[in-house]
Amino acid sequence: MRIATWNVNSIRVRIKQVLDFLKNYSIDVLLMQEIKCTNKMFPLSVFENTGFNCAVYGQKTYNGVAVVSKYIIDDINTGSKIFEKDLSARYIDCFINGIRVVCVYVPNGKEINTPYYLYKLEFLDKLIKHLSGIVKIENTIIGGDFNIALSDLDVWDVSLWFNRNCCSGAEREKFQHLLDLGFKDVFRENLGNRKLFTWWDYRHNCFKLNHGLRLDYLLTSKNINVLSRQRCTKMRALLRPSDHAPILIEV
């Protein structure tokens, strides 16, 4: 089974790119973040006509997550049940082909020690608490945009990003707590000390210069056998692309 995660930065703007990605990379399950539309406006019929089932937790203009799958999707849960009083659509999980699949879009945080940053840390605490229960009882794969560069190896210029949002010690510590629940950072295991990024700012020619961060992750519970890994930078090189590149694994 080939599973991918991608912050698409508006599904309605990039529906053709998404459909091409599903076809050209033979994707079975795609986890999407920042779909930026309500459930009603999500292009459900387009995916169903190409053989995909859908689970959507949308929001007008901002955020929104969705899972599309060639397999049957069961037992869908959204963030509204987990992150009480949080109106942002950032989390959905479901059961697909024997695996609990989690799609998450962690808040950006904007600047250190602002309400946005504190909200990000609180969101991570709630996420860790929730996932600690799941990984104990089910095979689990988490995919999403975490808006955290886990280590200095995930940053193109450490001095420029030192202790800034996405690279702060508090965020990294919470991410490590998540991994310590029993998850593997699949790409880092294969990278060693090499740098590999998944996000590049639209400004300053960042993609061409490879001035990026690794913000997107696929995490698996330790008993899941990962056969291959791939970062799909061709999707970032398209005209009017998302600022994120998708990543995929085969399990």
C-alpha atoms as a PDB file:
ATOM      1  CA  MET A   1       0.000   0.000   0.000  1.00  0.00           C
ATOM      2  CA  ARG A   2       1.394   3.382  -1.047  1.00  0.00           C
ATOM      3  CA  ILE A   3       0.526   6.212   1.362  1.00  0.00           C
ATOM      4  CA  ALA A   4       1.358   9.869   0.785  1.00  0.00           C
ATOM      5  CA  THR A   5       0.921  13.127   2.654  1.00  0.00           C
ATOM      6  CA  TRP A   6       0.720  16.556   1.033  1.00  0.00           C
ATOM      7  CA  ASN A   7      -0.155  20.058   2.149  1.00  0.00           C
ATOM      8  CA  VAL A   8      -1.947  20.993  -1.076  1.00  0.00           C
ATOM      9  CA  ASN A   9      -2.582  24.637  -0.123  1.00  0.00           C
ATOM     10  CA  SER A  10      -6.134  24.642  -1.590  1.00  0.00           C
ATOM     11  CA  ILE A  11      -7.618  21.528  -3.149  1.00  0.00           C
ATOM     12  CA  ARG A  12      -9.836  23.477  -5.532  1.00  0.00           C
ATOM     13  CA  VAL A  13      -6.879  25.396  -6.941  1.00  0.00           C
ATOM     14  CA  ARG A  14      -4.747  22.260  -7.308  1.00  0.00           C
ATOM     15  CA  ILE A  15      -7.238  19.488  -8.047  1.00  0.00           C
ATOM     16  CA  LYS A  16      -5.603  18.652 -11.383  1.00  0.00           C
ATOM     17  CA  GLN A  17      -2.162  18.446  -9.761  1.00  0.00           C
ATOM     18  CA  VAL A  18      -3.554  16.162  -7.062  1.00  0.00           C
ATOM     19  CA  LEU A  19      -5.237  13.862  -9.581  1.00  0.00           C
ATOM     20  CA  ASP A  20      -2.055  13.692 -11.654  1.00  0.00           C
ATOM     21  CA  PHE A  21      -0.069  12.858  -8.516  1.00  0.00           C
ATOM     22  CA  LEU A  22      -2.446  10.055  -7.549  1.00  0.00           C
ATOM     23  CA  LYS A  23      -2.183   8.547 -11.021  1.00  0.00           C
ATOM     24  CA  ASN A  24       1.509   9.055 -11.785  1.00  0.00           C
ATOM     25  CA  TYR A  25       2.733   7.822  -8.398  1.00  0.00           C
ATOM     26  CA  SER A  26       0.151   5.021  -8.004  1.00  0.00           C
ATOM     27  CA  ILE A  27      -1.052   6.349  -4.660  1.00  0.00           C
ATOM     28  CA  ASP A  28      -3.490   4.205  -2.674  1.00  0.00           C
ATOM     29  CA  VAL A  29      -4.050   6.616   0.227  1.00  0.00           C
ATOM     30  CA  LEU A  30      -3.439  10.371   0.229  1.00  0.00           C
ATOM     31  CA  LEU A  31      -3.555  12.547   3.338  1.00  0.00           C
ATOM     32  CA  MET A  32      -4.118  16.217   2.511  1.00  0.00           C
ATOM     33  CA  GLN A  33      -3.764  19.334   4.615  1.00  0.00           C
ATOM     34  CA  GLU A  34      -4.895  22.915   4.000  1.00  0.00           C
ATOM     35  CA  ILE A  35      -7.678  21.897   1.645  1.00  0.00           C
ATOM     36  CA  LYS A  36      -9.168  25.349   2.397  1.00  0.00           C
ATOM     37  CA  CYS A  37     -12.801  24.511   1.734  1.00  0.00           C
ATOM     38  CA  THR A  38     -15.895  23.267   3.541  1.00  0.00           C
ATOM     39  CA  ASN A  39     -17.078  19.676   3.243  1.00  0.00           C
ATOM     40  CA  LYS A  40     -19.789  20.847   0.853  1.00  0.00           C
ATOM     41  CA  MET A  41     -17.267  22.523  -1.465  1.00  0.00           C
ATOM     42  CA  PHE A  42     -14.802  19.620  -1.479  1.00  0.00           C
ATOM     43  CA  PRO A  43     -14.632  17.999  -4.977  1.00  0.00           C
ATOM     44  CA  LEU A  44     -15.995  14.694  -3.709  1.00  0.00           C
ATOM     45  CA  SER A  45     -17.428  13.490  -7.013  1.00  0.00           C
ATOM     46  CA  VAL A  46     -14.129  14.089  -8.817  1.00  0.00           C
ATOM     47  CA  PHE A  47     -12.338  11.680  -6.503  1.00  0.00           C
ATOM     48  CA  GLU A  48     -15.176   9.162  -6.444  1.00  0.00           C
ATOM     49  CA  ASN A  49     -15.248   9.102 -10.253  1.00  0.00           C
ATOM     50  CA  THR A  50     -11.579   8.080 -10.237  1.00  0.00           C
ATOM     51  CA  GLY A  51     -12.134   5.263  -7.744  1.00  0.00           C
ATOM     52  CA  PHE A  52     -11.338   6.954  -4.421  1.00  0.00           C
ATOM     53  CA  ASN A  53     -13.308   7.026  -1.191  1.00  0.00           C
ATOM     54  CA  CYS A  54     -13.119  10.234   0.828  1.00  0.00           C
ATOM     55  CA  ALA A  55     -13.145  11.403   4.435  1.00  0.00           C
ATOM     56  CA  VAL A  56     -13.210  15.179   4.818  1.00  0.00           C
ATOM     57  CA  TYR A  57     -13.035  17.633   7.699  1.00  0.00           C
ATOM     58  CA  GLY A  58     -13.163  21.005   5.997  1.00  0.00           C
ATOM     59  CA  GLN A  59     -13.271  24.651   6.896  1.00  0.00           C
ATOM     60  CA  LYS A  60     -14.048  27.748   4.866  1.00  0.00           C
ATOM     61  CA  THR A  61     -10.960  29.605   3.576  1.00  0.00           C
ATOM     62  CA  TYR A  62      -8.484  28.141   6.072  1.00  0.00           C
ATOM     63  CA  ASN A  63      -7.081  24.799   7.259  1.00  0.00           C
ATOM     64  CA  GLY A  64      -9.051  21.633   6.474  1.00  0.00           C
ATOM     65  CA  VAL A  65      -7.838  18.035   6.186  1.00  0.00           C
ATOM     66  CA  ALA A  66      -8.940  15.113   4.050  1.00  0.00           C
ATOM     67  CA  VAL A  67      -8.130  11.474   3.313  1.00  0.00           C
ATOM     68  CA  VAL A  68      -8.756   9.849  -0.068  1.00  0.00           C
ATOM     69  CA  SER A  69      -8.328   6.108  -0.418  1.00  0.00           C
ATOM     70  CA  LYS A  70      -8.738   3.297  -2.932  1.00  0.00           C
ATOM     71  CA  TYR A  71      -9.692   1.153   0.054  1.00  0.00           C
ATOM     72  CA  ILE A  72     -12.824   1.380   2.178  1.00  0.00           C
ATOM     73  CA  ILE A  73     -12.612   4.064   4.871  1.00  0.00           C
ATOM     74  CA  ASP A  74     -14.077   3.110   8.258  1.00  0.00           C
ATOM     75  CA  ASP A  75     -14.420   4.603  11.742  1.00  0.00           C
ATOM     76  CA  ILE A  76     -13.802   8.267  10.897  1.00  0.00           C
ATOM     77  CA  ASN A  77     -12.961  10.667  13.747  1.00  0.00           C
ATOM     78  CA  THR A  78     -12.400  14.403  13.441  1.00  0.00           C
ATOM     79  CA  GLY A  79     -10.659  16.945  15.599  1.00  0.00           C
ATOM     80  CA  SER A  80     -13.953  18.271  16.866  1.00  0.00           C
ATOM     81  CA  LYS A  81     -14.093  15.216  19.131  1.00  0.00           C
ATOM     82  CA  ILE A  82     -10.517  15.593  20.369  1.00  0.00           C
ATOM     83  CA  PHE A  83      -9.603  19.281  20.476  1.00  0.00           C
ATOM     84  CA  GLU A  84     -12.485  20.668  22.500  1.00  0.00           C
ATOM     85  CA  LYS A  85     -13.638  24.202  21.671  1.00  0.00           C
ATOM     86  CA  ASP A  86     -11.155  24.355  18.771  1.00  0.00           C
ATOM     87  CA  LEU A  87     -13.027  25.378  15.638  1.00  0.00           C
ATOM     88  CA  SER A  88     -10.042  24.866  13.343  1.00  0.00           C
ATOM     89  CA  ALA A  89     -10.259  21.780  11.102  1.00  0.00           C
ATOM     90  CA  ARG A  90      -6.817  20.258  11.623  1.00  0.00           C
ATOM     91  CA  TYR A  91      -7.241  16.558  12.411  1.00  0.00           C
ATOM     92  CA  ILE A  92      -8.924  13.491  10.988  1.00  0.00           C
ATOM     93  CA  ASP A  93      -8.263   9.793  11.506  1.00  0.00           C
ATOM     94  CA  CYS A  94      -9.837   6.658  10.066  1.00  0.00           C
ATOM     95  CA  PHE A  95      -9.298   2.919   9.646  1.00  0.00           C
ATOM     96  CA  ILE A  96      -8.000   1.752   6.245  1.00  0.00           C
ATOM     97  CA  ASN A  97      -6.886  -1.745   5.272  1.00  0.00           C
ATOM     98  CA  GLY A  98      -5.996  -2.782   8.825  1.00  0.00           C
ATOM     99  CA  ILE A  99      -4.210   0.467   9.763  1.00  0.00           C
ATOM    100  CA  ARG A 100      -5.301   3.509  11.758  1.00  0.00           C
ATOM    101  CA  VAL A 101      -4.444   6.414   9.445  1.00  0.00           C
ATOM    102  CA  VAL A 102      -4.064   9.889  10.947  1.00  0.00           C
ATOM    103  CA  CYS A 103      -3.930  13.150   8.981  1.00  0.00           C
ATOM    104  CA  VAL A 104      -2.894  16.255  10.916  1.00  0.00           C
ATOM    105  CA  TYR A 105      -2.176  19.908  10.208  1.00  0.00           C
ATOM    106  CA  VAL A 106      -0.356  21.403  13.199  1.00  0.00           C
ATOM    107  CA  PRO A 107      -0.828  25.170  13.681  1.00  0.00           C
ATOM    108  CA  ASN A 108       1.916  27.346  12.227  1.00  0.00           C
ATOM    109  CA  GLY A 109       2.610  29.304  15.416  1.00  0.00           C
ATOM    110  CA  LYS A 110       3.786  32.450  13.598  1.00  0.00           C
ATOM    111  CA  GLU A 111       6.157  33.954  16.205  1.00  0.00           C
ATOM    112  CA  ILE A 112       7.662  32.731  19.488  1.00  0.00           C
ATOM    113  CA  ASN A 113       5.736  33.647  22.649  1.00  0.00           C
ATOM    114  CA  THR A 114       2.660  34.924  20.842  1.00  0.00           C
ATOM    115  CA  PRO A 115      -0.861  33.534  21.399  1.00  0.00           C
ATOM    116  CA  TYR A 116      -0.488  31.681  18.078  1.00  0.00           C
ATOM    117  CA  TYR A 117       2.668  29.937  19.317  1.00  0.00           C
ATOM    118  CA  LEU A 118       1.103  29.027  22.657  1.00  0.00           C
ATOM    119  CA  TYR A 119      -1.906  27.626  20.779  1.00  0.00           C
ATOM    120  CA  LYS A 120       0.495  25.480  18.749  1.00  0.00           C
ATOM    121  CA  LEU A 121       2.102  24.043  21.885  1.00  0.00           C
ATOM    122  CA  GLU A 122      -1.314  23.365  23.436  1.00  0.00           C
ATOM    123  CA  PHE A 123      -2.462  21.640  20.236  1.00  0.00           C
ATOM    124  CA  LEU A 124       0.623  19.406  20.324  1.00  0.00           C
ATOM    125  CA  ASP A 125      -0.056  18.446  23.943  1.00  0.00           C
ATOM    126  CA  LYS A 126      -3.598  17.381  23.068  1.00  0.00           C
ATOM    127  CA  LEU A 127      -2.392  15.527  19.980  1.00  0.00           C
ATOM    128  CA  ILE A 128       0.208  13.586  21.973  1.00  0.00           C
ATOM    129  CA  LYS A 129      -2.324  12.640  24.628  1.00  0.00           C
ATOM    130  CA  HIS A 130      -4.783  11.387  22.008  1.00  0.00           C
ATOM    131  CA  LEU A 131      -2.232   9.437  19.961  1.00  0.00           C
ATOM    132  CA  SER A 132      -0.786   7.775  23.059  1.00  0.00           C
ATOM    133  CA  GLY A 133      -3.999   5.796  23.301  1.00  0.00           C
ATOM    134  CA  ILE A 134      -4.177   4.873  19.613  1.00  0.00           C
ATOM    135  CA  VAL A 135      -0.646   3.517  19.143  1.00  0.00           C
ATOM    136  CA  LYS A 136      -1.072   1.111  22.073  1.00  0.00           C
ATOM    137  CA  ILE A 137      -3.909  -0.761  20.399  1.00  0.00           C
ATOM    138  CA  GLU A 138      -3.635  -0.299  16.623  1.00  0.00           C
ATOM    139  CA  ASN A 139      -1.097  -0.280  13.803  1.00  0.00           C
ATOM    140  CA  THR A 140      -0.849   3.442  13.075  1.00  0.00           C
ATOM    141  CA  ILE A 141       0.468   5.772  10.386  1.00  0.00           C
ATOM    142  CA  ILE A 142       0.499   9.536  10.934  1.00  0.00           C
ATOM    143  CA  GLY A 143       0.998  11.902   8.038  1.00  0.00           C
ATOM    144  CA  GLY A 144       0.861  15.633   7.868  1.00  0.00           C
ATOM    145  CA  ASP A 145       2.324  19.085   7.987  1.00  0.00           C
ATOM    146  CA  PHE A 146       3.686  19.452  11.523  1.00  0.00           C
ATOM    147  CA  ASN A 147       5.138  22.940  11.007  1.00  0.00           C
ATOM    148  CA  ILE A 148       8.186  21.768  12.961  1.00  0.00           C
ATOM    149  CA  ALA A 149      11.721  21.121  11.736  1.00  0.00           C
ATOM    150  CA  LEU A 150      12.612  18.345  14.145  1.00  0.00           C
ATOM    151  CA  SER A 151      16.386  18.876  14.129  1.00  0.00           C
ATOM    152  CA  ASP A 152      19.031  21.157  12.652  1.00  0.00           C
ATOM    153  CA  LEU A 153      19.359  18.640   9.818  1.00  0.00           C
ATOM    154  CA  ASP A 154      15.867  19.698   8.761  1.00  0.00           C
ATOM    155  CA  VAL A 155      16.849  23.357   8.304  1.00  0.00           C
ATOM    156  CA  TRP A 156      18.744  24.890   5.391  1.00  0.00           C
ATOM    157  CA  ASP A 157      20.388  27.636   7.502  1.00  0.00           C
ATOM    158  CA  VAL A 158      20.552  26.864  11.213  1.00  0.00           C
ATOM    159  CA  SER A 159      21.892  30.288  12.189  1.00  0.00           C
ATOM    160  CA  LEU A 160      19.028  32.051  10.408  1.00  0.00           C
ATOM    161  CA  TRP A 161      16.351  29.840  11.977  1.00  0.00           C
ATOM    162  CA  PHE A 162      17.841  29.408  15.446  1.00  0.00           C
ATOM    163  CA  ASN A 163      15.076  29.403  18.108  1.00  0.00           C
ATOM    164  CA  ARG A 164      12.514  30.742  15.672  1.00  0.00           C
ATOM    165  CA  ASN A 165       9.012  29.371  15.224  1.00  0.00           C
ATOM    166  CA  CYS A 166       9.108  25.889  13.621  1.00  0.00           C
ATOM    167  CA  CYS A 167      12.623  25.372  15.009  1.00  0.00           C
ATOM    168  CA  SER A 168      12.270  26.210  18.700  1.00  0.00           C
ATOM    169  CA  GLY A 169      13.307  23.885  21.490  1.00  0.00           C
ATOM    170  CA  ALA A 170       9.802  23.626  22.952  1.00  0.00           C
ATOM    171  CA  GLU A 171       8.294  22.475  19.642  1.00  0.00           C
ATOM    172  CA  ARG A 172      11.050  19.975  18.992  1.00  0.00           C
ATOM    173  CA  GLU A 173      10.749  18.575  22.494  1.00  0.00           C
ATOM    174  CA  LYS A 174       7.033  17.955  22.056  1.00  0.00           C
ATOM    175  CA  PHE A 175       7.606  16.327  18.671  1.00  0.00           C
ATOM    176  CA  GLN A 176      10.153  14.011  20.288  1.00  0.00           C
ATOM    177  CA  HIS A 177       7.584  13.140  22.974  1.00  0.00           C
ATOM    178  CA  LEU A 178       5.267  12.092  20.148  1.00  0.00           C
ATOM    179  CA  LEU A 179       7.924   9.844  18.630  1.00  0.00           C
ATOM    180  CA  ASP A 180       8.658   8.368  22.049  1.00  0.00           C
ATOM    181  CA  LEU A 181       5.108   7.019  22.161  1.00  0.00           C
ATOM    182  CA  GLY A 182       6.310   4.376  19.706  1.00  0.00           C
ATOM    183  CA  PHE A 183       6.550   6.009  16.272  1.00  0.00           C
ATOM    184  CA  LYS A 184       9.308   5.932  13.674  1.00  0.00           C
ATOM    185  CA  ASP A 185      10.333   9.038  11.729  1.00  0.00           C
ATOM    186  CA  VAL A 186      10.508   7.032   8.523  1.00  0.00           C
ATOM    187  CA  PHE A 187      12.468   9.466   6.366  1.00  0.00           C
ATOM    188  CA  ARG A 188      15.086  10.422   8.957  1.00  0.00           C
ATOM    189  CA  GLU A 189      15.878   6.740   9.532  1.00  0.00           C
ATOM    190  CA  ASN A 190      16.833   6.511   5.869  1.00  0.00           C
ATOM    191  CA  LEU A 191      18.553   9.899   5.556  1.00  0.00           C
ATOM    192  CA  GLY A 192      21.307   9.599   8.125  1.00  0.00           C
ATOM    193  CA  ASN A 193      22.929  13.033   8.359  1.00  0.00           C
ATOM    194  CA  ARG A 194      21.732  14.221   4.946  1.00  0.00           C
ATOM    195  CA  LYS A 195      19.398  17.185   4.647  1.00  0.00           C
ATOM    196  CA  LEU A 196      16.092  16.847   2.810  1.00  0.00           C
ATOM    197  CA  PHE A 197      13.362  19.492   2.807  1.00  0.00           C
ATOM    198  CA  THR A 198       9.634  19.420   2.071  1.00  0.00           C
ATOM    199  CA  TRP A 199       8.722  23.127   2.229  1.00  0.00           C
ATOM    200  CA  TRP A 200      10.154  26.128   0.442  1.00  0.00           C
ATOM    201  CA  ASP A 201       8.863  29.689   0.762  1.00  0.00           C
ATOM    202  CA  TYR A 202       7.367  31.114  -2.426  1.00  0.00           C
ATOM    203  CA  ARG A 203       9.577  34.188  -1.983  1.00  0.00           C
ATOM    204  CA  HIS A 204      13.292  34.790  -2.580  1.00  0.00           C
ATOM    205  CA  ASN A 205      13.666  31.965  -5.120  1.00  0.00           C
ATOM    206  CA  CYS A 206      13.821  29.524  -2.210  1.00  0.00           C
ATOM    207  CA  PHE A 207      12.916  26.374  -4.132  1.00  0.00           C
ATOM    208  CA  LYS A 208      15.551  26.895  -6.817  1.00  0.00           C
ATOM    209  CA  LEU A 209      18.162  27.642  -4.150  1.00  0.00           C
ATOM    210  CA  ASN A 210      16.940  24.734  -1.974  1.00  0.00           C
ATOM    211  CA  HIS A 211      16.443  27.046   0.999  1.00  0.00           C
ATOM    212  CA  GLY A 212      13.831  24.923   2.741  1.00  0.00           C
ATOM    213  CA  LEU A 213      12.671  23.165   5.875  1.00  0.00           C
ATOM    214  CA  ARG A 214      11.448  19.623   6.526  1.00  0.00           C
ATOM    215  CA  LEU A 215       7.973  20.249   7.922  1.00  0.00           C
ATOM    216  CA  ASP A 216       6.063  17.247   6.509  1.00  0.00           C
ATOM    217  CA  TYR A 217       6.318  13.778   8.025  1.00  0.00           C
ATOM    218  CA  LEU A 218       5.115  10.214   7.744  1.00  0.00           C
ATOM    219  CA  LEU A 219       5.379   8.427  11.088  1.00  0.00           C
ATOM    220  CA  THR A 220       4.613   4.744  11.561  1.00  0.00           C
ATOM    221  CA  SER A 221       4.205   2.557  14.603  1.00  0.00           C
ATOM    222  CA  LYS A 222       7.318   0.443  15.009  1.00  0.00           C
ATOM    223  CA  ASN A 223       5.833  -2.864  13.847  1.00  0.00           C
ATOM    224  CA  ILE A 224       4.913  -1.517  10.384  1.00  0.00           C
ATOM    225  CA  ASN A 225       7.394  -2.583   7.709  1.00  0.00           C
ATOM    226  CA  VAL A 226       8.280   0.304   5.361  1.00  0.00           C
ATOM    227  CA  LEU A 227       9.395  -0.961   1.953  1.00  0.00           C
ATOM    228  CA  SER A 228      10.275   2.331   0.265  1.00  0.00           C
ATOM    229  CA  ARG A 229      10.246   6.117   0.715  1.00  0.00           C
ATOM    230  CA  GLN A 230      10.070   8.947  -1.775  1.00  0.00           C
ATOM    231  CA  ARG A 231       9.955  12.741  -1.798  1.00  0.00           C
ATOM    232  CA  CYS A 232       8.163  14.083  -4.884  1.00  0.00           C
ATOM    233  CA  THR A 233       9.833  17.419  -5.637  1.00  0.00           C
ATOM    234  CA  LYS A 234       8.474  17.440  -9.194  1.00  0.00           C
ATOM    235  CA  MET A 235       5.142  18.557  -7.748  1.00  0.00           C
ATOM    236  CA  ARG A 236       6.804  21.594  -6.155  1.00  0.00           C
ATOM    237  CA  ALA A 237       8.401  22.523  -9.502  1.00  0.00           C
ATOM    238  CA  LEU A 238       5.062  22.869 -11.327  1.00  0.00           C
ATOM    239  CA  LEU A 239       3.470  26.159 -12.285  1.00  0.00           C
ATOM    240  CA  ARG A 240       1.364  27.531  -9.404  1.00  0.00           C
ATOM    241  CA  PRO A 241       2.429  24.728  -7.032  1.00  0.00           C
ATOM    242  CA  SER A 242       1.797  24.226  -3.363  1.00  0.00           C
ATOM    243  CA  ASP A 243       4.766  25.430  -1.324  1.00  0.00           C
ATOM    244  CA  HIS A 244       5.060  21.874   0.012  1.00  0.00           C
ATOM    245  CA  ALA A 245       6.231  18.736  -1.794  1.00  0.00           C
ATOM    246  CA  PRO A 246       4.416  15.466  -1.111  1.00  0.00           C
ATOM    247  CA  ILE A 247       6.189  12.526   0.461  1.00  0.00           C
ATOM    248  CA  LEU A 248       5.151   8.877   0.194  1.00  0.00           C
ATOM    249  CA  ILE A 249       5.945   5.481   1.636  1.00  0.00           C
ATOM    250  CA  GLU A 250       5.089   1.946   0.630  1.00  0.00           C
ATOM    251  CA  VAL A 251       4.172  -0.428   3.457  1.00  0.00           C
END
